[in-house]
Amino acid sequence: MEQLFNADTATMSWTFTVSSIGCFFGAVVCGFIFDRLNHELQFIIANFIEAVATAVAPFFTSLPLYITALFIQANSQAYINAGKVRLSSKLH
């Protein structure tokens, strides 16, 4: 990836940092709005967003765009995971 984006290791490490921040924000957002909206619709939208981000990320040749796609993907994935935990805790 360093060769593809013509970046050094320190710059590429931002991909992990931004993904972690995306996970954090996805879980926090889910905590605030999950119980206010239709659960199934939220899962459908979050899965769609994650799928699109995953599908387009390999086509970006610009590192900022790639990192943005990773942020969106991680955000959606954490939203889904937090929603599943919230839903399963309500069932027990």
N, C-alpha and C. Protein backbone atom coordinates (compact mmCIF):
# COMPACT_ATOMS: atom_id res chain seq x y z
N MET A 1 0.82 -1.18 0.00
CA MET A 1 0.00 0.00 0.00
C MET A 1 0.87 1.25 0.00
N GLU A 2 2.02 1.15 0.64
CA GLU A 2 2.90 2.31 0.64
C GLU A 2 3.31 2.69 -0.78
N GLN A 3 3.53 1.69 -1.62
CA GLN A 3 3.90 1.97 -3.00
C GLN A 3 2.72 2.51 -3.80
N LEU A 4 1.55 1.96 -3.55
CA LEU A 4 0.36 2.40 -4.28
C LEU A 4 0.06 3.88 -4.00
N PHE A 5 0.15 4.27 -2.73
CA PHE A 5 -0.17 5.65 -2.36
C PHE A 5 1.06 6.54 -2.29
N ASN A 6 2.24 5.97 -2.56
CA ASN A 6 3.48 6.72 -2.49
C ASN A 6 3.61 7.44 -1.15
N ALA A 7 3.44 6.64 -0.07
CA ALA A 7 3.47 7.19 1.28
C ALA A 7 4.39 6.35 2.15
N ASP A 8 4.87 6.94 3.22
CA ASP A 8 5.73 6.21 4.14
C ASP A 8 4.89 5.49 5.21
N THR A 9 5.56 4.71 6.02
CA THR A 9 4.87 3.91 7.04
C THR A 9 4.13 4.78 8.04
N ALA A 10 4.72 5.88 8.43
CA ALA A 10 4.07 6.77 9.40
C ALA A 10 2.75 7.33 8.84
N THR A 11 2.75 7.67 7.58
CA THR A 11 1.53 8.17 6.95
C THR A 11 0.50 7.06 6.81
N MET A 12 0.93 5.88 6.44
CA MET A 12 0.01 4.75 6.28
C MET A 12 -0.59 4.32 7.62
N SER A 13 0.09 4.59 8.71
CA SER A 13 -0.45 4.21 10.02
C SER A 13 -1.73 4.96 10.33
N TRP A 14 -1.97 6.04 9.63
CA TRP A 14 -3.23 6.79 9.83
C TRP A 14 -4.44 5.95 9.43
N THR A 15 -4.27 4.96 8.57
CA THR A 15 -5.39 4.12 8.20
C THR A 15 -5.94 3.39 9.43
N PHE A 16 -5.06 2.93 10.30
CA PHE A 16 -5.50 2.24 11.52
C PHE A 16 -6.10 3.21 12.53
N THR A 17 -5.49 4.36 12.66
CA THR A 17 -5.98 5.37 13.60
C THR A 17 -7.37 5.84 13.21
N VAL A 18 -7.55 6.15 11.95
CA VAL A 18 -8.84 6.65 11.48
C VAL A 18 -9.91 5.56 11.56
N SER A 19 -9.54 4.32 11.29
CA SER A 19 -10.51 3.22 11.44
C SER A 19 -10.95 3.09 12.90
N SER A 20 -10.03 3.24 13.82
CA SER A 20 -10.37 3.16 15.24
C SER A 20 -11.29 4.31 15.65
N ILE A 21 -11.02 5.48 15.16
CA ILE A 21 -11.88 6.63 15.45
C ILE A 21 -13.26 6.41 14.84
N GLY A 22 -13.32 5.83 13.65
CA GLY A 22 -14.60 5.51 13.03
C GLY A 22 -15.39 4.52 13.85
N CYS A 23 -14.72 3.51 14.39
CA CYS A 23 -15.40 2.54 15.26
C CYS A 23 -15.97 3.24 16.49
N PHE A 24 -15.21 4.10 17.07
CA PHE A 24 -15.67 4.82 18.26
C PHE A 24 -16.92 5.63 17.94
N PHE A 25 -16.87 6.42 16.89
CA PHE A 25 -18.02 7.26 16.54
C PHE A 25 -19.25 6.43 16.15
N GLY A 26 -19.04 5.33 15.45
CA GLY A 26 -20.16 4.48 15.08
C GLY A 26 -20.89 3.92 16.30
N ALA A 27 -20.13 3.48 17.28
CA ALA A 27 -20.73 2.94 18.50
C ALA A 27 -21.44 4.03 19.30
N VAL A 28 -20.83 5.20 19.38
CA VAL A 28 -21.44 6.31 20.12
C VAL A 28 -22.74 6.76 19.46
N VAL A 29 -22.72 6.93 18.15
CA VAL A 29 -23.93 7.34 17.43
C VAL A 29 -25.03 6.30 17.61
N CYS A 30 -24.67 5.04 17.53
CA CYS A 30 -25.66 3.98 17.71
C CYS A 30 -26.28 4.06 19.10
N GLY A 31 -25.47 4.34 20.10
CA GLY A 31 -25.98 4.44 21.46
C GLY A 31 -27.02 5.53 21.62
N PHE A 32 -26.88 6.59 20.86
CA PHE A 32 -27.82 7.71 20.97
C PHE A 32 -29.11 7.50 20.16
N ILE A 33 -29.04 6.85 19.01
CA ILE A 33 -30.22 6.82 18.15
C ILE A 33 -30.83 5.45 17.90
N PHE A 34 -30.21 4.37 18.37
CA PHE A 34 -30.69 3.04 18.00
C PHE A 34 -32.13 2.80 18.45
N ASP A 35 -32.47 3.17 19.65
CA ASP A 35 -33.83 2.89 20.15
C ASP A 35 -34.89 3.86 19.63
N ARG A 36 -34.48 4.87 18.92
CA ARG A 36 -35.43 5.87 18.43
C ARG A 36 -35.97 5.58 17.04
N LEU A 37 -35.33 4.67 16.32
CA LEU A 37 -35.72 4.39 14.93
C LEU A 37 -35.95 2.89 14.73
N ASN A 38 -36.49 2.53 13.60
CA ASN A 38 -36.74 1.15 13.24
C ASN A 38 -35.42 0.38 13.18
N HIS A 39 -35.31 -0.68 13.98
CA HIS A 39 -34.05 -1.43 14.07
C HIS A 39 -33.67 -2.08 12.75
N GLU A 40 -34.62 -2.71 12.10
CA GLU A 40 -34.31 -3.40 10.85
C GLU A 40 -33.84 -2.42 9.78
N LEU A 41 -34.51 -1.28 9.70
CA LEU A 41 -34.11 -0.27 8.72
C LEU A 41 -32.70 0.24 9.00
N GLN A 42 -32.38 0.43 10.26
CA GLN A 42 -31.03 0.89 10.61
C GLN A 42 -29.98 -0.13 10.19
N PHE A 43 -30.26 -1.41 10.43
CA PHE A 43 -29.30 -2.44 10.03
C PHE A 43 -29.14 -2.49 8.51
N ILE A 44 -30.24 -2.34 7.79
CA ILE A 44 -30.17 -2.35 6.32
C ILE A 44 -29.33 -1.18 5.82
N ILE A 45 -29.59 0.00 6.35
CA ILE A 45 -28.85 1.19 5.91
C ILE A 45 -27.38 1.08 6.27
N ALA A 46 -27.08 0.66 7.50
CA ALA A 46 -25.68 0.54 7.93
C ALA A 46 -24.94 -0.52 7.11
N ASN A 47 -25.59 -1.64 6.83
CA ASN A 47 -24.96 -2.67 6.00
C ASN A 47 -24.73 -2.18 4.58
N PHE A 48 -25.66 -1.42 4.04
CA PHE A 48 -25.50 -0.86 2.70
C PHE A 48 -24.32 0.11 2.66
N ILE A 49 -24.26 0.99 3.64
CA ILE A 49 -23.15 1.96 3.69
C ILE A 49 -21.81 1.24 3.82
N GLU A 50 -21.77 0.24 4.70
CA GLU A 50 -20.52 -0.51 4.86
C GLU A 50 -20.14 -1.24 3.57
N ALA A 51 -21.11 -1.83 2.90
CA ALA A 51 -20.83 -2.54 1.65
C ALA A 51 -20.31 -1.60 0.56
N VAL A 52 -20.91 -0.44 0.44
CA VAL A 52 -20.46 0.52 -0.57
C VAL A 52 -19.05 1.01 -0.26
N ALA A 53 -18.79 1.34 1.01
CA ALA A 53 -17.45 1.80 1.39
C ALA A 53 -16.41 0.71 1.14
N THR A 54 -16.76 -0.53 1.43
CA THR A 54 -15.84 -1.65 1.21
C THR A 54 -15.60 -1.86 -0.29
N ALA A 55 -16.63 -1.70 -1.08
CA ALA A 55 -16.51 -1.92 -2.52
C ALA A 55 -15.71 -0.83 -3.23
N VAL A 56 -15.84 0.41 -2.80
CA VAL A 56 -15.15 1.50 -3.50
C VAL A 56 -13.75 1.77 -2.98
N ALA A 57 -13.44 1.36 -1.76
CA ALA A 57 -12.13 1.67 -1.17
C ALA A 57 -10.95 1.21 -2.02
N PRO A 58 -10.96 0.02 -2.59
CA PRO A 58 -9.79 -0.40 -3.38
C PRO A 58 -9.55 0.41 -4.64
N PHE A 59 -10.54 1.16 -5.09
CA PHE A 59 -10.39 1.92 -6.32
C PHE A 59 -9.83 3.31 -6.11
N PHE A 60 -9.70 3.73 -4.87
CA PHE A 60 -9.15 5.06 -4.60
C PHE A 60 -7.63 5.02 -4.72
N THR A 61 -7.10 5.99 -5.43
CA THR A 61 -5.64 6.11 -5.55
C THR A 61 -5.12 7.25 -4.70
N SER A 62 -6.02 7.97 -4.07
CA SER A 62 -5.64 9.06 -3.18
C SER A 62 -5.77 8.57 -1.74
N LEU A 63 -4.74 8.74 -0.96
CA LEU A 63 -4.74 8.26 0.42
C LEU A 63 -5.84 8.90 1.27
N PRO A 64 -6.09 10.21 1.19
CA PRO A 64 -7.19 10.77 1.98
C PRO A 64 -8.56 10.17 1.64
N LEU A 65 -8.80 9.89 0.38
CA LEU A 65 -10.07 9.26 -0.01
C LEU A 65 -10.15 7.83 0.53
N TYR A 66 -9.05 7.12 0.45
CA TYR A 66 -9.01 5.76 0.97
C TYR A 66 -9.25 5.74 2.48
N ILE A 67 -8.62 6.65 3.19
CA ILE A 67 -8.80 6.74 4.64
C ILE A 67 -10.24 7.12 4.97
N THR A 68 -10.84 7.98 4.18
CA THR A 68 -12.24 8.35 4.38
C THR A 68 -13.15 7.14 4.20
N ALA A 69 -12.88 6.33 3.19
CA ALA A 69 -13.67 5.11 2.98
C ALA A 69 -13.51 4.15 4.15
N LEU A 70 -12.31 4.03 4.67
CA LEU A 70 -12.09 3.18 5.84
C LEU A 70 -12.82 3.71 7.07
N PHE A 71 -12.84 5.02 7.23
CA PHE A 71 -13.57 5.62 8.35
C PHE A 71 -15.06 5.30 8.25
N ILE A 72 -15.62 5.46 7.08
CA ILE A 72 -17.05 5.19 6.88
C ILE A 72 -17.35 3.71 7.10
N GLN A 73 -16.48 2.86 6.59
CA GLN A 73 -16.66 1.42 6.76
C GLN A 73 -16.62 1.05 8.24
N ALA A 74 -15.63 1.53 8.97
CA ALA A 74 -15.50 1.21 10.39
C ALA A 74 -16.66 1.79 11.19
N ASN A 75 -17.10 2.97 10.81
CA ASN A 75 -18.22 3.61 11.48
C ASN A 75 -19.47 2.75 11.34
N SER A 76 -19.76 2.30 10.15
CA SER A 76 -20.94 1.47 9.90
C SER A 76 -20.82 0.12 10.59
N GLN A 77 -19.65 -0.46 10.55
CA GLN A 77 -19.46 -1.75 11.18
C GLN A 77 -19.65 -1.67 12.69
N ALA A 78 -19.13 -0.64 13.32
CA ALA A 78 -19.31 -0.48 14.76
C ALA A 78 -20.77 -0.19 15.09
N TYR A 79 -21.44 0.55 14.23
CA TYR A 79 -22.87 0.82 14.43
C TYR A 79 -23.65 -0.48 14.43
N ILE A 80 -23.34 -1.36 13.48
CA ILE A 80 -24.02 -2.65 13.40
C ILE A 80 -23.72 -3.49 14.64
N ASN A 81 -22.48 -3.55 15.03
CA ASN A 81 -22.10 -4.35 16.19
C ASN A 81 -22.74 -3.82 17.47
N ALA A 82 -22.72 -2.53 17.67
CA ALA A 82 -23.35 -1.96 18.86
C ALA A 82 -24.86 -2.16 18.84
N GLY A 83 -25.46 -2.07 17.66
CA GLY A 83 -26.89 -2.30 17.55
C GLY A 83 -27.26 -3.72 17.88
N LYS A 84 -26.43 -4.68 17.44
CA LYS A 84 -26.69 -6.08 17.76
C LYS A 84 -26.59 -6.33 19.27
N VAL A 85 -25.61 -5.72 19.90
CA VAL A 85 -25.46 -5.87 21.35
C VAL A 85 -26.65 -5.26 22.06
N ARG A 86 -27.06 -4.10 21.63
CA ARG A 86 -28.22 -3.43 22.25
C ARG A 86 -29.49 -4.26 22.06
N LEU A 87 -29.68 -4.78 20.88
CA LEU A 87 -30.86 -5.58 20.59
C LEU A 87 -30.88 -6.88 21.40
N SER A 88 -29.71 -7.53 21.49
CA SER A 88 -29.65 -8.78 22.24
C SER A 88 -29.81 -8.55 23.73
N SER A 89 -29.38 -7.40 24.24
CA SER A 89 -29.57 -7.12 25.67
C SER A 89 -31.04 -6.85 26.00
N LYS A 90 -31.79 -6.38 25.04
CA LYS A 90 -33.22 -6.15 25.25
C LYS A 90 -34.00 -7.47 25.24
N LEU A 91 -33.47 -8.48 24.56
CA LEU A 91 -34.15 -9.75 24.44
C LEU A 91 -34.00 -10.61 25.70
N HIS A 92 -32.96 -10.36 26.48
CA HIS A 92 -32.71 -11.18 27.68
C HIS A 92 -33.34 -10.59 28.89
